[in-house]
């Protein structure tokens, strides 16, 4: 229900990516989890909207991101793999400009993901359906701010939809290219 409300808000308020010069983007993330858990995340951002003076949030950018995650756990000769697909709305607020021209933003999002295997990295995560939560910082750079680097904390869990809910945590480093 929350996702539907956010989607309707994005469709009917603010300026679209075409109106405000924000372009589509692709991203690649390196994920590092606990122990020998690591992965790669590929993402596409088809749409961004800027909401001026959004209710209780001030100026906020909202982008939608669809991603596929490839996770690996264990040592080289004996390891497990898993993958997840996700769709997340992400809210981003401008904090400051570094060197007077490079925007530093803080962002958070809660999306939905579908995980291939519910037993992974020594855990029973309980459900194929997981929430993808994130909190991080993004710094844009380049002549036209077409590049960005992000540092994020990401958490996957089923939100208590199942009795088994140990969750999986990652620190991620991301490169984003806007076009």
C-alpha atoms as a PDB file:
ATOM      1  CA  UNK A   1       0.000   0.000   0.000  1.00  0.00           C
ATOM      2  CA  UNK A   2       2.825   2.412   0.904  1.00  0.00           C
ATOM      3  CA  UNK A   3       4.489   1.740  -2.452  1.00  0.00           C
ATOM      4  CA  UNK A   4       1.217   2.515  -4.259  1.00  0.00           C
ATOM      5  CA  UNK A   5       0.855   5.828  -2.413  1.00  0.00           C
ATOM      6  CA  UNK A   6       4.443   6.792  -3.228  1.00  0.00           C
ATOM      7  CA  UNK A   7       3.937   5.834  -6.873  1.00  0.00           C
ATOM      8  CA  UNK A   8       0.794   7.976  -7.179  1.00  0.00           C
ATOM      9  CA  UNK A   9       2.590  10.885  -5.478  1.00  0.00           C
ATOM     10  CA  UNK A  10       5.456  10.630  -7.939  1.00  0.00           C
ATOM     11  CA  UNK A  11       3.137  10.485 -10.935  1.00  0.00           C
ATOM     12  CA  UNK A  12       0.971  13.456 -10.031  1.00  0.00           C
ATOM     13  CA  UNK A  13       3.282  15.953  -8.326  1.00  0.00           C
ATOM     14  CA  UNK A  14       6.646  17.588  -8.828  1.00  0.00           C
ATOM     15  CA  UNK A  15       8.665  17.712 -11.977  1.00  0.00           C
ATOM     16  CA  UNK A  16       9.636  14.670 -13.962  1.00  0.00           C
ATOM     17  CA  UNK A  17      13.190  13.821 -14.923  1.00  0.00           C
ATOM     18  CA  UNK A  18      12.664  15.377 -18.352  1.00  0.00           C
ATOM     19  CA  UNK A  19      11.522  18.679 -16.793  1.00  0.00           C
ATOM     20  CA  UNK A  20      14.337  19.152 -14.304  1.00  0.00           C
ATOM     21  CA  UNK A  21      17.347  17.873 -16.248  1.00  0.00           C
ATOM     22  CA  UNK A  22      17.782  14.707 -14.174  1.00  0.00           C
ATOM     23  CA  UNK A  23      18.462  11.820 -16.491  1.00  0.00           C
ATOM     24  CA  UNK A  24      18.162   8.074 -16.403  1.00  0.00           C
ATOM     25  CA  UNK A  25      20.991   6.251 -14.680  1.00  0.00           C
ATOM     26  CA  UNK A  26      22.697   2.906 -14.344  1.00  0.00           C
ATOM     27  CA  UNK A  27      24.681   1.777 -11.327  1.00  0.00           C
ATOM     28  CA  UNK A  28      27.028  -0.980 -10.266  1.00  0.00           C
ATOM     29  CA  UNK A  29      27.619  -1.761  -6.591  1.00  0.00           C
ATOM     30  CA  UNK A  30      30.114  -3.913  -4.753  1.00  0.00           C
ATOM     31  CA  UNK A  31      28.460  -5.437  -1.675  1.00  0.00           C
ATOM     32  CA  UNK A  32      30.348  -6.701   1.367  1.00  0.00           C
ATOM     33  CA  UNK A  33      28.462  -8.598   4.047  1.00  0.00           C
ATOM     34  CA  UNK A  34      29.387 -10.463   7.188  1.00  0.00           C
ATOM     35  CA  UNK A  35      32.045 -13.174   6.981  1.00  0.00           C
ATOM     36  CA  UNK A  36      32.712 -14.353   3.433  1.00  0.00           C
ATOM     37  CA  UNK A  37      29.510 -12.799   2.043  1.00  0.00           C
ATOM     38  CA  UNK A  38      29.976 -10.470  -0.933  1.00  0.00           C
ATOM     39  CA  UNK A  39      28.237  -9.558  -4.134  1.00  0.00           C
ATOM     40  CA  UNK A  40      27.596  -7.328  -7.101  1.00  0.00           C
ATOM     41  CA  UNK A  41      24.447  -5.321  -7.724  1.00  0.00           C
ATOM     42  CA  UNK A  42      23.411  -3.941 -11.134  1.00  0.00           C
ATOM     43  CA  UNK A  43      20.714  -1.263 -11.169  1.00  0.00           C
ATOM     44  CA  UNK A  44      18.713   0.890 -13.554  1.00  0.00           C
ATOM     45  CA  UNK A  45      16.957   4.146 -12.626  1.00  0.00           C
ATOM     46  CA  UNK A  46      14.385   4.967 -15.308  1.00  0.00           C
ATOM     47  CA  UNK A  47      12.697   7.878 -13.603  1.00  0.00           C
ATOM     48  CA  UNK A  48      13.453  10.662 -11.114  1.00  0.00           C
ATOM     49  CA  UNK A  49      11.093  13.287  -9.774  1.00  0.00           C
ATOM     50  CA  UNK A  50      11.792  16.405  -7.724  1.00  0.00           C
ATOM     51  CA  UNK A  51       9.175  17.369  -5.176  1.00  0.00           C
ATOM     52  CA  UNK A  52       9.396  20.960  -3.959  1.00  0.00           C
ATOM     53  CA  UNK A  53       8.330  21.380  -0.349  1.00  0.00           C
ATOM     54  CA  UNK A  54       6.974  17.821  -0.093  1.00  0.00           C
ATOM     55  CA  UNK A  55       4.784  17.234   2.948  1.00  0.00           C
ATOM     56  CA  UNK A  56       7.043  17.011   6.039  1.00  0.00           C
ATOM     57  CA  UNK A  57      10.120  16.383   3.862  1.00  0.00           C
ATOM     58  CA  UNK A  58      11.107  19.707   2.245  1.00  0.00           C
ATOM     59  CA  UNK A  59      12.727  19.439  -1.194  1.00  0.00           C
ATOM     60  CA  UNK A  60      13.260  15.798  -2.063  1.00  0.00           C
ATOM     61  CA  UNK A  61      14.283  13.841  -5.141  1.00  0.00           C
ATOM     62  CA  UNK A  62      12.641  10.449  -5.563  1.00  0.00           C
ATOM     63  CA  UNK A  63      14.022   7.900  -7.968  1.00  0.00           C
ATOM     64  CA  UNK A  64      12.864   4.410  -8.774  1.00  0.00           C
ATOM     65  CA  UNK A  65      15.490   1.710  -9.033  1.00  0.00           C
ATOM     66  CA  UNK A  66      15.187  -1.809 -10.363  1.00  0.00           C
ATOM     67  CA  UNK A  67      18.148  -4.071  -9.611  1.00  0.00           C
ATOM     68  CA  UNK A  68      19.548  -7.549  -9.740  1.00  0.00           C
ATOM     69  CA  UNK A  69      21.890  -8.746  -7.015  1.00  0.00           C
ATOM     70  CA  UNK A  70      24.402 -11.567  -7.328  1.00  0.00           C
ATOM     71  CA  UNK A  71      25.607 -12.814  -3.930  1.00  0.00           C
ATOM     72  CA  UNK A  72      28.387 -15.258  -3.092  1.00  0.00           C
ATOM     73  CA  UNK A  73      29.285 -16.854   0.222  1.00  0.00           C
ATOM     74  CA  UNK A  74      32.235 -19.029   1.178  1.00  0.00           C
ATOM     75  CA  UNK A  75      35.720 -19.718  -0.005  1.00  0.00           C
ATOM     76  CA  UNK A  76      36.748 -20.083  -3.639  1.00  0.00           C
ATOM     77  CA  UNK A  77      36.597 -23.900  -3.816  1.00  0.00           C
ATOM     78  CA  UNK A  78      33.356 -24.281  -1.859  1.00  0.00           C
ATOM     79  CA  UNK A  79      30.925 -21.422  -2.136  1.00  0.00           C
ATOM     80  CA  UNK A  80      27.220 -20.749  -2.467  1.00  0.00           C
ATOM     81  CA  UNK A  81      25.611 -18.296  -4.845  1.00  0.00           C
ATOM     82  CA  UNK A  82      22.254 -16.594  -4.736  1.00  0.00           C
ATOM     83  CA  UNK A  83      20.524 -13.784  -6.567  1.00  0.00           C
ATOM     84  CA  UNK A  84      17.732 -11.307  -5.922  1.00  0.00           C
ATOM     85  CA  UNK A  85      15.740  -8.864  -8.009  1.00  0.00           C
ATOM     86  CA  UNK A  86      14.395  -5.710  -6.404  1.00  0.00           C
ATOM     87  CA  UNK A  87      12.305  -2.595  -6.992  1.00  0.00           C
ATOM     88  CA  UNK A  88      12.820   0.361  -4.668  1.00  0.00           C
ATOM     89  CA  UNK A  89      11.703   3.958  -4.406  1.00  0.00           C
ATOM     90  CA  UNK A  90      14.602   6.009  -3.034  1.00  0.00           C
ATOM     91  CA  UNK A  91      14.296   9.407  -1.336  1.00  0.00           C
ATOM     92  CA  UNK A  92      17.272  11.762  -1.567  1.00  0.00           C
ATOM     93  CA  UNK A  93      17.936  15.078   0.226  1.00  0.00           C
ATOM     94  CA  UNK A  94      20.708  17.537  -0.609  1.00  0.00           C
ATOM     95  CA  UNK A  95      23.100  18.097   2.314  1.00  0.00           C
ATOM     96  CA  UNK A  96      25.784  20.419   0.901  1.00  0.00           C
ATOM     97  CA  UNK A  97      28.032  21.174  -2.072  1.00  0.00           C
ATOM     98  CA  UNK A  98      31.673  20.143  -1.818  1.00  0.00           C
ATOM     99  CA  UNK A  99      34.137  22.606  -3.378  1.00  0.00           C
ATOM    100  CA  UNK A 100      31.130  24.741  -4.222  1.00  0.00           C
ATOM    101  CA  UNK A 101      29.875  22.488  -7.030  1.00  0.00           C
ATOM    102  CA  UNK A 102      29.720  18.764  -6.148  1.00  0.00           C
ATOM    103  CA  UNK A 103      26.417  17.862  -4.416  1.00  0.00           C
ATOM    104  CA  UNK A 104      26.499  15.539  -1.427  1.00  0.00           C
ATOM    105  CA  UNK A 105      23.116  13.907  -0.720  1.00  0.00           C
ATOM    106  CA  UNK A 106      21.728  11.562   1.895  1.00  0.00           C
ATOM    107  CA  UNK A 107      19.269   8.912   0.750  1.00  0.00           C
ATOM    108  CA  UNK A 108      17.048   6.178   2.091  1.00  0.00           C
ATOM    109  CA  UNK A 109      14.659   3.687   0.577  1.00  0.00           C
ATOM    110  CA  UNK A 110      12.569   0.649   1.354  1.00  0.00           C
ATOM    111  CA  UNK A 111      11.716  -1.605  -1.546  1.00  0.00           C
ATOM    112  CA  UNK A 112      10.667  -5.139  -2.334  1.00  0.00           C
ATOM    113  CA  UNK A 113      12.895  -7.984  -3.489  1.00  0.00           C
ATOM    114  CA  UNK A 114      12.547 -11.563  -4.586  1.00  0.00           C
ATOM    115  CA  UNK A 115      15.383 -13.887  -3.537  1.00  0.00           C
ATOM    116  CA  UNK A 116      16.082 -17.142  -5.368  1.00  0.00           C
ATOM    117  CA  UNK A 117      17.170 -19.310  -2.416  1.00  0.00           C
ATOM    118  CA  UNK A 118      15.863 -18.899   1.146  1.00  0.00           C
ATOM    119  CA  UNK A 119      18.782 -20.896   2.622  1.00  0.00           C
ATOM    120  CA  UNK A 120      21.961 -18.951   2.032  1.00  0.00           C
ATOM    121  CA  UNK A 121      25.172 -17.979   3.847  1.00  0.00           C
ATOM    122  CA  UNK A 122      24.410 -20.367   6.702  1.00  0.00           C
ATOM    123  CA  UNK A 123      21.002 -18.767   7.322  1.00  0.00           C
ATOM    124  CA  UNK A 124      17.381 -19.642   6.673  1.00  0.00           C
ATOM    125  CA  UNK A 125      15.961 -16.235   5.688  1.00  0.00           C
ATOM    126  CA  UNK A 126      12.432 -17.631   5.834  1.00  0.00           C
ATOM    127  CA  UNK A 127      10.910 -16.291   2.632  1.00  0.00           C
ATOM    128  CA  UNK A 128      11.640 -15.579  -1.006  1.00  0.00           C
ATOM    129  CA  UNK A 129      10.037 -12.170  -0.447  1.00  0.00           C
ATOM    130  CA  UNK A 130      12.310  -9.672   1.289  1.00  0.00           C
ATOM    131  CA  UNK A 131      12.408  -5.951   1.930  1.00  0.00           C
ATOM    132  CA  UNK A 132      15.436  -4.067   0.585  1.00  0.00           C
ATOM    133  CA  UNK A 133      16.287  -1.193   2.961  1.00  0.00           C
ATOM    134  CA  UNK A 134      19.044   1.339   2.360  1.00  0.00           C
ATOM    135  CA  UNK A 135      20.644   4.352   3.961  1.00  0.00           C
ATOM    136  CA  UNK A 136      23.611   6.121   2.412  1.00  0.00           C
ATOM    137  CA  UNK A 137      25.448   9.098   1.020  1.00  0.00           C
ATOM    138  CA  UNK A 138      25.943  10.011  -2.651  1.00  0.00           C
ATOM    139  CA  UNK A 139      28.463  12.448  -4.114  1.00  0.00           C
ATOM    140  CA  UNK A 140      27.946  13.628  -7.722  1.00  0.00           C
ATOM    141  CA  UNK A 141      30.928  14.688  -9.840  1.00  0.00           C
ATOM    142  CA  UNK A 142      31.978  15.316 -13.431  1.00  0.00           C
ATOM    143  CA  UNK A 143      31.623  18.324 -15.718  1.00  0.00           C
ATOM    144  CA  UNK A 144      27.847  17.884 -15.895  1.00  0.00           C
ATOM    145  CA  UNK A 145      27.510  15.851 -12.694  1.00  0.00           C
ATOM    146  CA  UNK A 146      26.973  12.749 -14.808  1.00  0.00           C
ATOM    147  CA  UNK A 147      28.925  10.527 -12.385  1.00  0.00           C
ATOM    148  CA  UNK A 148      28.249   9.705  -8.754  1.00  0.00           C
ATOM    149  CA  UNK A 149      29.750   7.554  -6.027  1.00  0.00           C
ATOM    150  CA  UNK A 150      27.704   6.201  -3.138  1.00  0.00           C
ATOM    151  CA  UNK A 151      28.433   4.569   0.189  1.00  0.00           C
ATOM    152  CA  UNK A 152      25.455   2.710   1.661  1.00  0.00           C
ATOM    153  CA  UNK A 153      24.266   0.334   4.306  1.00  0.00           C
ATOM    154  CA  UNK A 154      21.742  -2.150   2.859  1.00  0.00           C
ATOM    155  CA  UNK A 155      19.594  -4.610   4.773  1.00  0.00           C
ATOM    156  CA  UNK A 156      17.468  -7.445   3.405  1.00  0.00           C
ATOM    157  CA  UNK A 157      14.828  -9.079   5.617  1.00  0.00           C
ATOM    158  CA  UNK A 158      11.296 -10.365   5.376  1.00  0.00           C
ATOM    159  CA  UNK A 159      10.066  -7.842   7.938  1.00  0.00           C
ATOM    160  CA  UNK A 160       8.623 -10.510  10.202  1.00  0.00           C
ATOM    161  CA  UNK A 161       6.403 -12.023   7.500  1.00  0.00           C
ATOM    162  CA  UNK A 162       7.953 -15.346   8.477  1.00  0.00           C
ATOM    163  CA  UNK A 163       9.158 -16.718  11.843  1.00  0.00           C
ATOM    164  CA  UNK A 164      12.651 -17.036  10.389  1.00  0.00           C
ATOM    165  CA  UNK A 165      13.983 -13.527   9.802  1.00  0.00           C
ATOM    166  CA  UNK A 166      17.738 -13.199  10.499  1.00  0.00           C
ATOM    167  CA  UNK A 167      18.229 -10.636   7.730  1.00  0.00           C
ATOM    168  CA  UNK A 168      21.342  -9.958   5.689  1.00  0.00           C
ATOM    169  CA  UNK A 169      23.418  -6.789   5.997  1.00  0.00           C
ATOM    170  CA  UNK A 170      25.783  -5.232   3.469  1.00  0.00           C
ATOM    171  CA  UNK A 171      28.036  -2.221   3.154  1.00  0.00           C
ATOM    172  CA  UNK A 172      28.102  -1.124  -0.476  1.00  0.00           C
ATOM    173  CA  UNK A 173      30.212   1.088  -2.676  1.00  0.00           C
ATOM    174  CA  UNK A 174      28.462   2.214  -5.850  1.00  0.00           C
ATOM    175  CA  UNK A 175      29.308   3.952  -9.100  1.00  0.00           C
ATOM    176  CA  UNK A 176      26.402   5.666 -10.904  1.00  0.00           C
ATOM    177  CA  UNK A 177      26.365   7.023 -14.458  1.00  0.00           C
ATOM    178  CA  UNK A 178      23.577   9.435 -15.500  1.00  0.00           C
ATOM    179  CA  UNK A 179      22.758   9.716 -19.204  1.00  0.00           C
END
